[in-house]
Amino acid sequence: MRQVFRVLAYVVAAGVVVQAAVMVYAVAGMGLFIDEGGVLDQAAMEQSMSGEALFPEEIGLMLHGMTGTMVLPIIALLTFVASFFAGVRGAWRWGLAIFLLVALQVTLGIAGHSVPFLGALHGVNALLLFGVAMYTGWRVTARDRAMHATPALAAPGGMTAGGVTP
């Protein structure tokens, strides 16, 4: 279960990268749309909401919203649950941190549509979430490497069970 916890933590970090990529893809497409004479106004938004894309990269906005409100919260919850069975000291704290940062991320993303400053915090929190998720995965990897790299230190006196120091 330790490896499941590690992989889920890294999947959350990868999800943050995907979120950033699809958002920049959409914003770049929006910039081209405007540069080519496109207009973003109420009529354009209603057209977009009816299912007719204004520009091809608009799919990035949809992917960002769906992944951020549905996929990543489920993965974060699974990470938190796996943390209880990982056999790593303090894992539940890091699993909880990931889960709470994802919950905050969703809240900031939705609230950012009404209060732009919260949208800015959405980006800052994404960086924090990425760092915590990467550190969590790294902690498990480092623990496993330390356990496998020093078998001679596991026995009293630095000797293995056979009595021979490697």
Protein backbone atom coordinates (compact mmCIF):
# COMPACT_ATOMS: atom_id res chain seq x y z
CA MET A 1 0.00 0.00 0.00
CA ARG A 2 3.04 2.21 0.45
CA GLN A 3 3.62 2.19 -3.31
CA VAL A 4 -0.04 3.03 -3.97
CA PHE A 5 0.30 6.03 -1.66
CA ARG A 6 3.52 7.11 -3.41
CA VAL A 7 2.04 6.77 -6.89
CA LEU A 8 -1.15 8.62 -5.94
CA ALA A 9 0.90 11.51 -4.52
CA TYR A 10 2.86 11.73 -7.77
CA VAL A 11 -0.38 11.50 -9.79
CA VAL A 12 -1.70 14.54 -7.90
CA ALA A 13 1.51 16.42 -8.76
CA ALA A 14 1.19 15.37 -12.41
CA GLY A 15 -2.43 16.49 -12.33
CA VAL A 16 -1.33 19.98 -11.30
CA VAL A 17 1.03 20.06 -14.29
CA VAL A 18 -1.76 18.94 -16.64
CA GLN A 19 -4.05 21.59 -15.16
CA ALA A 20 -1.50 24.32 -15.86
CA ALA A 21 -0.88 23.02 -19.38
CA VAL A 22 -4.52 22.88 -20.46
CA MET A 23 -5.20 26.32 -18.99
CA VAL A 24 -2.28 27.92 -20.82
CA TYR A 25 -3.37 26.12 -24.01
CA ALA A 26 -6.83 27.67 -23.67
CA VAL A 27 -5.55 31.15 -22.85
CA ALA A 28 -3.11 31.06 -25.79
CA GLY A 29 -5.97 30.05 -28.09
CA MET A 30 -8.12 32.83 -26.67
CA GLY A 31 -5.33 35.30 -27.39
CA LEU A 32 -5.14 34.16 -31.01
CA PHE A 33 -8.93 34.38 -31.29
CA ILE A 34 -8.86 38.00 -30.13
CA ASP A 35 -5.80 38.85 -32.29
CA GLU A 36 -7.72 37.62 -35.33
CA GLY A 37 -10.64 39.95 -34.57
CA GLY A 38 -12.68 37.72 -32.29
CA VAL A 39 -14.68 39.36 -29.54
CA LEU A 40 -15.38 38.05 -26.06
CA ASP A 41 -18.64 39.57 -24.89
CA GLN A 42 -21.93 38.35 -23.46
CA ALA A 43 -23.11 37.12 -26.88
CA ALA A 44 -19.87 35.16 -27.40
CA MET A 45 -20.16 33.60 -23.94
CA GLU A 46 -23.77 32.56 -24.63
CA GLN A 47 -22.64 31.04 -27.95
CA SER A 48 -19.91 29.14 -26.14
CA MET A 49 -22.32 27.94 -23.43
CA SER A 50 -24.69 26.61 -26.10
CA GLY A 51 -21.96 24.22 -27.23
CA GLU A 52 -20.53 26.11 -30.19
CA ALA A 53 -16.80 26.63 -29.60
CA LEU A 54 -15.44 30.10 -30.25
CA PHE A 55 -11.93 28.75 -30.82
CA PRO A 56 -10.56 25.19 -30.83
CA GLU A 57 -8.41 25.63 -27.74
CA GLU A 58 -11.53 26.42 -25.70
CA ILE A 59 -11.55 22.71 -24.81
CA GLY A 60 -8.70 23.53 -22.42
CA LEU A 61 -11.09 25.54 -20.24
CA MET A 62 -13.49 22.62 -20.06
CA LEU A 63 -10.71 20.13 -19.29
CA HIS A 64 -9.33 22.41 -16.58
CA GLY A 65 -12.72 22.70 -14.92
CA MET A 66 -13.62 19.03 -15.14
CA THR A 67 -10.23 17.74 -14.03
CA GLY A 68 -10.00 20.23 -11.20
CA THR A 69 -13.48 19.72 -9.78
CA MET A 70 -13.94 15.99 -10.35
CA VAL A 71 -10.76 14.03 -11.09
CA LEU A 72 -8.16 15.58 -8.76
CA PRO A 73 -10.46 15.67 -5.70
CA ILE A 74 -11.12 11.93 -6.08
CA ILE A 75 -7.40 11.20 -6.45
CA ALA A 76 -6.65 13.39 -3.41
CA LEU A 77 -9.26 11.53 -1.36
CA LEU A 78 -7.77 8.18 -2.42
CA THR A 79 -4.32 9.49 -1.46
CA PHE A 80 -5.59 10.42 1.99
CA VAL A 81 -7.21 7.00 2.47
CA ALA A 82 -4.06 5.20 1.25
CA SER A 83 -1.97 7.22 3.71
CA PHE A 84 -3.47 5.29 6.63
CA PHE A 85 -2.21 2.00 5.20
CA ALA A 86 1.13 3.17 3.78
CA GLY A 87 3.23 2.18 6.78
CA VAL A 88 5.14 5.46 6.65
CA ARG A 89 5.35 7.57 9.79
CA GLY A 90 3.33 10.76 9.39
CA ALA A 91 1.87 9.69 6.04
CA TRP A 92 -1.66 10.56 7.10
CA ARG A 93 -0.59 14.16 7.71
CA TRP A 94 0.78 14.49 4.20
CA GLY A 95 -2.26 12.74 2.75
CA LEU A 96 -4.49 15.15 4.65
CA ALA A 97 -2.40 18.12 3.47
CA ILE A 98 -2.85 17.03 -0.16
CA PHE A 99 -6.59 16.54 0.33
CA LEU A 100 -7.06 19.91 2.04
CA LEU A 101 -4.96 21.75 -0.54
CA VAL A 102 -7.05 20.22 -3.33
CA ALA A 103 -10.25 21.24 -1.51
CA LEU A 104 -8.86 24.77 -1.16
CA GLN A 105 -7.85 24.72 -4.82
CA VAL A 106 -11.39 23.88 -5.93
CA THR A 107 -12.81 26.57 -3.63
CA LEU A 108 -10.39 29.22 -4.90
CA GLY A 109 -11.02 28.25 -8.52
CA ILE A 110 -14.77 28.57 -8.19
CA ALA A 111 -14.64 31.70 -6.02
CA GLY A 112 -12.15 33.27 -8.42
CA HIS A 113 -14.97 33.72 -10.93
CA SER A 114 -16.52 36.24 -8.52
CA VAL A 115 -13.44 37.66 -6.79
CA PRO A 116 -10.42 37.89 -9.14
CA PHE A 117 -7.93 38.08 -6.26
CA LEU A 118 -8.99 34.58 -5.20
CA GLY A 119 -8.25 33.46 -8.75
CA ALA A 120 -4.69 34.69 -8.25
CA LEU A 121 -4.45 32.66 -5.03
CA HIS A 122 -5.67 29.67 -7.07
CA GLY A 123 -2.38 29.79 -8.99
CA VAL A 124 -0.27 30.20 -5.86
CA ASN A 125 -2.05 27.31 -4.14
CA ALA A 126 -1.42 25.15 -7.22
CA LEU A 127 2.32 25.61 -6.73
CA LEU A 128 2.02 24.74 -3.05
CA LEU A 129 -0.06 21.65 -3.89
CA PHE A 130 2.50 20.54 -6.48
CA GLY A 131 5.33 20.91 -3.96
CA VAL A 132 3.53 19.04 -1.18
CA ALA A 133 2.50 16.21 -3.51
CA MET A 134 6.04 15.84 -4.89
CA TYR A 135 7.55 15.92 -1.40
CA THR A 136 5.06 13.31 -0.20
CA GLY A 137 5.97 10.94 -3.03
CA TRP A 138 9.66 11.62 -2.48
CA ARG A 139 9.39 10.82 1.25
CA VAL A 140 8.08 7.34 0.48
CA THR A 141 10.75 6.77 -2.18
CA ALA A 142 13.53 7.98 0.14
CA ARG A 143 12.28 5.76 2.97
CA ASP A 144 12.26 2.71 0.69
CA ARG A 145 15.76 3.45 -0.59
CA ALA A 146 17.08 3.90 2.94
CA MET A 147 15.58 0.59 4.05
CA HIS A 148 17.07 -1.32 1.10
CA ALA A 149 20.46 0.39 1.11
CA THR A 150 21.46 -0.45 4.69
CA PRO A 151 20.60 -4.07 5.46
CA ALA A 152 23.74 -4.53 7.58
CA LEU A 153 22.67 -1.77 9.93
CA ALA A 154 19.40 -3.53 10.70
CA ALA A 155 21.03 -6.18 12.93
CA PRO A 156 22.69 -5.34 16.27
CA GLY A 157 26.38 -4.61 15.96
CA GLY A 158 26.13 -3.93 12.24
CA MET A 159 26.17 -7.63 11.39
CA THR A 160 23.70 -9.56 9.32
CA ALA A 161 21.79 -12.57 10.60
CA GLY A 162 24.55 -14.88 9.35
CA GLY A 163 27.12 -13.06 11.49
CA VAL A 164 29.09 -11.72 8.54
CA THR A 165 29.37 -8.03 7.83
CA PRO A 166 28.94 -7.42 4.10
